Amino acid sequence: MCAQTRAAELPPDVAAAWWTPFADFLRKERRYSAYTLRNYRQSLVDLVVWLRGAGKSQAELAALTSREARDFVIESQRRLDRRTVHARVSGLRALYRYWQRQGRLRTNPFVALPLPRLERRLPRFLSEEQMQRLLEAPGRLLAEGAIDGFTAQRDLLLLELLYGGGLRVSELVALTFAQVEDGSGVARIVGKGGKERVCPLGEGAMVLLRTLRDGPRRGAAATARVLVRPGDQAMTARDVQSLLKRYLAAAGLPADASPHTLRHSYATHLLNAGADLRVVQELLGHSRLATTQIYTHVSGARLREVYDRAHPRA
């Protein structure tokens, strides 16, 4: 079933009637990333495949009951891990909510649906020493003649923005010169759900950005992307992931670190240095404080340090 699901595509009538208007809403109104849209589409593909396997017509999408939604979840658990099941249900819940608001559906069968419990997964991050090695990697490859000056400068800026600004990879590749306020050294980022936040970028990132803008990218429009490939083509999330792998290898760091690992490192290092949790919440663009609180587990070393320094019985 898993291979069949991956190979399946949405029937044209389902795509036109159920997916395309919803996808346009997510893209234009909610400003969701292509990655999120892909995952939501896969949720609908999974449901259509399940209906077909259960001997049901895709026309029954509009009449799906809570019991059938629960049966879909039970079947999904046999072939998918728990987090993927949660992601599938999240996508379908949003899809049905959209059509409910459009007046097409009366109920949402994916609301209040029992789901398998998730294990609490702690965020992975790099230590400050590891981050320093990673930031030195473009310069090392430049000195070895493996990359040219523009590439080294652009890629160091890329790393500085991920780590120094805490940007998501989708926010990074969409960043334009107009979003960066030169005087204050901050960027106005439009994140998930169209929510805007202000991100300080750090002096290192600003120096690199100014050098890039006044040198190789001189004359670029204010609306131009900051990070581009040769030929001024905008970089993609996949480009960023590929470049990061290269520099992780050059720095002798774990190859499975991702762009999001640098965002985790950003939050972790801020909290370890004593930053207020609610400030970090604002910097990350989290809607709920509980989302940010997952980083507090890594502050144990900081707490021990404060205790040892301050408590008379330490």
Protein backbone atom coordinates (compact mmCIF):
# COMPACT_ATOMS: atom_id res chain seq x y z
CA MET A 1 0.00 0.00 0.00
CA CYS A 2 2.85 2.41 0.82
CA ALA A 3 4.47 2.06 -2.62
CA GLN A 4 1.06 2.39 -4.22
CA THR A 5 0.38 5.59 -2.28
CA ARG A 6 3.67 7.13 -3.28
CA ALA A 7 3.07 6.31 -6.93
CA ALA A 8 -0.57 7.49 -6.90
CA GLU A 9 -1.65 10.83 -8.25
CA LEU A 10 -4.85 12.72 -7.65
CA PRO A 11 -7.52 12.00 -10.26
CA PRO A 12 -8.00 15.16 -12.35
CA ASP A 13 -11.55 15.71 -11.14
CA VAL A 14 -10.49 15.43 -7.48
CA ALA A 15 -7.55 17.76 -8.08
CA ALA A 16 -9.78 20.35 -9.74
CA ALA A 17 -12.67 20.12 -7.29
CA TRP A 18 -10.89 19.52 -3.98
CA TRP A 19 -7.22 20.38 -4.20
CA THR A 20 -6.58 23.33 -6.54
CA PRO A 21 -8.76 25.97 -4.78
CA PHE A 22 -7.43 24.85 -1.38
CA ALA A 23 -3.82 24.97 -2.61
CA ASP A 24 -4.35 28.49 -4.01
CA PHE A 25 -5.70 29.57 -0.61
CA LEU A 26 -2.71 28.07 1.22
CA ARG A 27 -0.24 29.62 -1.19
CA LYS A 28 -1.71 33.09 -1.60
CA GLU A 29 -3.57 33.73 1.65
CA ARG A 30 -1.64 31.67 4.18
CA ARG A 31 1.74 31.89 2.41
CA TYR A 32 2.51 28.25 3.10
CA SER A 33 5.70 26.83 1.66
CA ALA A 34 5.90 24.44 -1.29
CA TYR A 35 7.03 21.77 1.19
CA THR A 36 3.85 22.15 3.26
CA LEU A 37 1.67 22.13 0.14
CA ARG A 38 3.35 18.93 -1.02
CA ASN A 39 2.64 17.27 2.33
CA TYR A 40 -0.99 18.42 2.36
CA ARG A 41 -1.48 17.14 -1.18
CA GLN A 42 -0.03 13.78 -0.15
CA SER A 43 -2.60 13.64 2.65
CA LEU A 44 -5.39 13.89 0.10
CA VAL A 45 -3.70 11.33 -2.16
CA ASP A 46 -3.53 8.91 0.78
CA LEU A 47 -7.21 9.37 1.54
CA VAL A 48 -8.25 8.83 -2.10
CA VAL A 49 -6.13 5.66 -2.27
CA TRP A 50 -7.66 4.42 1.00
CA LEU A 51 -11.20 5.04 -0.27
CA ARG A 52 -10.39 3.11 -3.43
CA GLY A 53 -8.90 0.24 -1.42
CA ALA A 54 -11.99 0.15 0.80
CA GLY A 55 -14.22 -0.20 -2.24
CA LYS A 56 -15.51 3.33 -1.95
CA SER A 57 -15.87 6.00 -4.59
CA GLN A 58 -13.87 9.23 -4.45
CA ALA A 59 -17.25 10.96 -4.59
CA GLU A 60 -17.60 9.90 -0.95
CA LEU A 61 -14.98 12.49 0.06
CA ALA A 62 -17.86 14.88 0.73
CA ALA A 63 -19.76 12.33 2.82
CA LEU A 64 -16.86 10.98 4.87
CA THR A 65 -17.90 10.16 8.44
CA SER A 66 -15.89 10.37 11.65
CA ARG A 67 -15.92 6.56 11.82
CA GLU A 68 -14.47 6.30 8.31
CA ALA A 69 -11.85 8.92 9.16
CA ARG A 70 -10.90 6.82 12.19
CA ASP A 71 -10.67 3.68 10.02
CA PHE A 72 -8.37 5.62 7.67
CA VAL A 73 -6.12 6.54 10.59
CA ILE A 74 -6.03 2.95 11.87
CA GLU A 75 -5.01 1.68 8.43
CA SER A 76 -2.42 4.45 8.07
CA GLN A 77 -0.73 3.38 11.32
CA ARG A 78 0.07 -0.01 9.78
CA ARG A 79 2.38 1.57 7.19
CA LEU A 80 3.36 5.01 8.46
CA ASP A 81 5.13 6.21 11.60
CA ARG A 82 3.19 8.19 14.17
CA ARG A 83 4.48 11.60 13.16
CA THR A 84 3.55 11.01 9.54
CA VAL A 85 0.05 9.93 10.59
CA HIS A 86 -0.30 13.15 12.58
CA ALA A 87 0.92 15.14 9.58
CA ARG A 88 -1.57 13.42 7.26
CA VAL A 89 -4.48 14.11 9.61
CA SER A 90 -3.37 17.71 10.04
CA GLY A 91 -3.44 18.20 6.28
CA LEU A 92 -6.86 16.61 5.92
CA ARG A 93 -8.26 18.52 8.89
CA ALA A 94 -7.17 21.78 7.22
CA LEU A 95 -8.60 20.69 3.87
CA TYR A 96 -12.01 19.83 5.34
CA ARG A 97 -12.00 22.99 7.45
CA TYR A 98 -11.44 25.06 4.31
CA TRP A 99 -14.36 23.46 2.47
CA GLN A 100 -16.51 23.71 5.57
CA ARG A 101 -15.92 27.46 5.61
CA GLN A 102 -16.73 27.61 1.91
CA GLY A 103 -20.12 26.10 2.70
CA ARG A 104 -19.49 22.88 0.85
CA LEU A 105 -19.34 20.65 3.93
CA ARG A 106 -21.38 20.65 7.11
CA THR A 107 -18.92 18.78 9.34
CA ASN A 108 -15.21 18.04 9.56
CA PRO A 109 -14.65 14.31 10.26
CA PHE A 110 -11.02 14.92 11.22
CA VAL A 111 -11.80 17.16 14.21
CA ALA A 112 -11.34 15.55 17.65
CA LEU A 113 -10.11 12.36 16.02
CA PRO A 114 -8.18 10.04 18.38
CA LEU A 115 -4.55 9.86 17.25
CA PRO A 116 -1.57 7.78 18.39
CA ARG A 117 0.49 9.46 21.09
CA LEU A 118 3.69 11.07 19.93
CA GLU A 119 6.95 10.51 21.70
CA ARG A 120 8.48 13.83 22.74
CA ARG A 121 11.29 14.38 20.29
CA LEU A 122 13.92 16.80 21.50
CA PRO A 123 15.38 19.18 18.95
CA ARG A 124 18.84 18.37 17.63
CA PHE A 125 21.36 21.19 17.64
CA LEU A 126 25.04 21.89 17.12
CA SER A 127 27.25 23.14 19.93
CA GLU A 128 28.75 26.61 19.72
CA GLU A 129 32.14 25.08 18.90
CA GLN A 130 30.57 23.00 16.11
CA MET A 131 28.79 26.05 14.72
CA GLN A 132 32.08 27.93 14.65
CA ARG A 133 33.66 25.13 12.62
CA LEU A 134 30.72 25.14 10.22
CA LEU A 135 30.95 28.91 9.72
CA GLU A 136 34.66 28.57 8.94
CA ALA A 137 34.06 25.90 6.28
CA PRO A 138 33.38 28.20 3.26
CA GLY A 139 36.61 30.09 3.96
CA ARG A 140 38.50 26.80 4.22
CA LEU A 141 37.18 25.58 0.88
CA LEU A 142 37.99 28.95 -0.69
CA ALA A 143 41.59 28.73 0.56
CA GLU A 144 41.84 25.22 -0.89
CA GLY A 145 40.60 26.44 -4.27
CA ALA A 146 37.49 24.27 -4.11
CA ILE A 147 35.09 27.23 -4.50
CA ASP A 148 35.34 30.79 -5.82
CA GLY A 149 35.08 34.03 -3.87
CA PHE A 150 31.44 34.73 -4.69
CA THR A 151 30.36 31.24 -3.67
CA ALA A 152 32.27 31.45 -0.39
CA GLN A 153 30.74 34.82 0.43
CA ARG A 154 27.21 33.80 -0.54
CA ASP A 155 27.37 30.51 1.34
CA LEU A 156 28.79 32.08 4.48
CA LEU A 157 25.91 34.57 4.36
CA LEU A 158 23.52 31.64 3.95
CA LEU A 159 24.89 29.99 7.10
CA GLU A 160 24.88 33.27 9.02
CA LEU A 161 21.23 33.88 8.16
CA LEU A 162 20.16 30.39 9.20
CA TYR A 163 22.08 30.49 12.46
CA GLY A 164 22.40 34.22 13.21
CA GLY A 165 18.83 35.04 12.18
CA GLY A 166 17.07 31.78 13.02
CA LEU A 167 15.35 31.73 9.65
CA ARG A 168 13.43 28.77 8.31
CA VAL A 169 14.81 27.52 5.00
CA SER A 170 11.65 28.68 3.18
CA GLU A 171 12.11 32.17 4.66
CA LEU A 172 15.78 32.16 3.73
CA VAL A 173 15.33 31.42 0.03
CA ALA A 174 12.46 33.95 -0.20
CA LEU A 175 14.44 36.77 1.47
CA THR A 176 14.76 39.93 -0.63
CA PHE A 177 17.00 42.97 -0.20
CA ALA A 178 13.89 45.07 0.49
CA GLN A 179 13.10 43.02 3.60
CA VAL A 180 16.40 43.98 5.26
CA GLU A 181 16.65 47.31 7.07
CA ASP A 182 20.27 48.36 6.63
CA GLY A 183 20.40 50.82 9.50
CA SER A 184 18.90 48.62 12.18
CA GLY A 185 20.31 45.33 10.89
CA VAL A 186 16.97 43.53 11.04
CA ALA A 187 14.86 41.70 8.49
CA ARG A 188 11.08 41.73 8.30
CA ILE A 189 10.18 38.10 7.75
CA VAL A 190 6.81 36.77 6.66
CA GLY A 191 6.60 33.32 8.21
CA LYS A 192 4.00 30.60 8.56
CA GLY A 193 0.42 31.71 8.17
CA GLY A 194 1.52 35.10 6.81
CA LYS A 195 2.66 36.19 10.27
CA GLU A 196 5.31 38.93 10.16
CA ARG A 197 8.16 39.14 12.64
CA VAL A 198 11.33 41.19 13.02
CA CYS A 199 14.59 39.21 12.99
CA PRO A 200 17.91 40.77 14.02
CA LEU A 201 20.48 39.33 11.61
CA GLY A 202 23.75 39.90 13.43
CA GLU A 203 26.68 42.08 12.40
CA GLY A 204 28.44 39.25 10.56
CA ALA A 205 25.45 38.65 8.31
CA MET A 206 24.95 42.38 7.69
CA VAL A 207 28.58 42.94 6.68
CA LEU A 208 28.36 40.05 4.22
CA LEU A 209 25.02 41.22 2.86
CA ARG A 210 26.28 44.77 2.29
CA THR A 211 29.44 43.49 0.61
CA LEU A 212 27.37 41.23 -1.64
CA ARG A 213 24.87 43.98 -2.47
CA ASP A 214 27.56 46.57 -3.22
CA GLY A 215 29.81 44.13 -5.10
CA PRO A 216 28.72 41.07 -7.09
CA ARG A 217 25.01 41.95 -6.79
CA ARG A 218 25.39 45.67 -7.47
CA GLY A 219 22.38 46.92 -9.38
CA ALA A 220 20.06 44.18 -8.14
CA ALA A 221 16.49 45.37 -7.62
CA ALA A 222 15.22 45.84 -4.09
CA THR A 223 12.77 43.02 -4.72
CA ALA A 224 15.54 40.65 -5.88
CA ARG A 225 16.32 37.55 -3.81
CA VAL A 226 19.40 37.88 -1.61
CA LEU A 227 20.62 34.35 -2.32
CA VAL A 228 20.93 33.33 -5.95
CA ARG A 229 22.64 30.74 -8.10
CA PRO A 230 24.79 31.71 -11.12
CA GLY A 231 22.63 33.52 -13.63
CA ASP A 232 20.67 35.23 -10.84
CA GLN A 233 18.35 32.27 -10.42
CA ALA A 234 16.74 32.13 -7.00
CA MET A 235 18.06 29.37 -4.77
CA THR A 236 15.73 26.59 -3.64
CA ALA A 237 15.41 24.77 -0.33
CA ARG A 238 17.07 21.79 -1.98
CA ASP A 239 20.04 23.97 -3.00
CA VAL A 240 20.42 25.06 0.63
CA GLN A 241 20.28 21.48 1.90
CA SER A 242 22.87 20.38 -0.66
CA LEU A 243 25.27 23.20 0.22
CA LEU A 244 24.88 22.55 3.92
CA LYS A 245 25.84 18.90 3.41
CA ARG A 246 29.00 20.03 1.68
CA TYR A 247 30.05 22.31 4.52
CA LEU A 248 29.13 19.80 7.20
CA ALA A 249 31.48 17.33 5.53
CA ALA A 250 34.21 19.97 5.24
CA ALA A 251 33.85 20.75 8.96
CA GLY A 252 33.75 17.09 10.02
CA LEU A 253 30.23 17.45 11.46
CA PRO A 254 27.27 15.02 11.43
CA ALA A 255 25.97 14.64 7.89
CA ASP A 256 22.34 14.37 9.01
CA ALA A 257 22.18 17.94 10.33
CA SER A 258 19.65 20.01 8.37
CA PRO A 259 18.96 23.72 7.85
CA HIS A 260 16.42 23.41 10.68
CA THR A 261 19.20 22.11 12.93
CA LEU A 262 20.80 25.55 12.65
CA ARG A 263 17.52 27.17 13.67
CA HIS A 264 17.40 24.80 16.67
CA SER A 265 20.99 25.79 17.48
CA TYR A 266 20.05 29.48 17.29
CA ALA A 267 17.25 29.04 19.84
CA THR A 268 19.27 26.76 22.09
CA HIS A 269 22.27 29.09 22.27
CA LEU A 270 20.06 32.11 22.99
CA LEU A 271 18.39 30.34 25.92
CA ASN A 272 21.69 28.98 27.23
CA ALA A 273 22.99 32.55 27.27
CA GLY A 274 20.04 33.67 29.41
CA ALA A 275 17.60 35.01 26.81
CA ASP A 276 13.98 35.30 27.93
CA LEU A 277 11.78 32.49 26.63
CA ARG A 278 9.09 34.86 25.35
CA VAL A 279 11.69 36.89 23.45
CA VAL A 280 12.94 33.71 21.79
CA GLN A 281 9.32 32.84 20.98
CA GLU A 282 8.97 36.17 19.15
CA LEU A 283 12.29 35.76 17.35
CA LEU A 284 11.32 32.30 16.12
CA GLY A 285 7.81 33.36 15.14
CA HIS A 286 6.11 30.68 17.23
CA SER A 287 2.40 31.24 17.82
CA ARG A 288 2.41 29.21 21.04
CA LEU A 289 4.88 29.45 23.90
CA ALA A 290 4.67 25.66 24.33
CA THR A 291 6.37 25.25 20.95
CA THR A 292 9.35 27.25 22.17
CA GLN A 293 9.50 25.54 25.56
CA ILE A 294 10.87 22.37 23.99
CA TYR A 295 14.23 24.16 23.84
CA THR A 296 14.43 24.67 27.58
CA HIS A 297 15.68 21.11 28.11
CA VAL A 298 19.06 22.11 26.79
CA SER A 299 19.47 24.85 29.36
CA GLY A 300 20.39 22.41 32.10
CA ALA A 301 24.05 23.26 31.81
CA ARG A 302 23.23 26.95 32.12
CA LEU A 303 21.02 26.33 35.17
CA ARG A 304 23.76 24.28 36.83
CA GLU A 305 26.27 27.01 36.14
CA VAL A 306 24.02 29.67 37.73
CA TYR A 307 23.33 27.39 40.72
CA ASP A 308 27.02 26.63 41.29
CA ARG A 309 27.86 30.32 41.14
CA ALA A 310 24.96 31.66 43.22
CA HIS A 311 23.83 29.12 45.81
CA PRO A 312 25.72 28.92 49.14
CA ARG A 313 25.29 25.15 49.29
CA ALA A 314 26.43 24.47 45.74
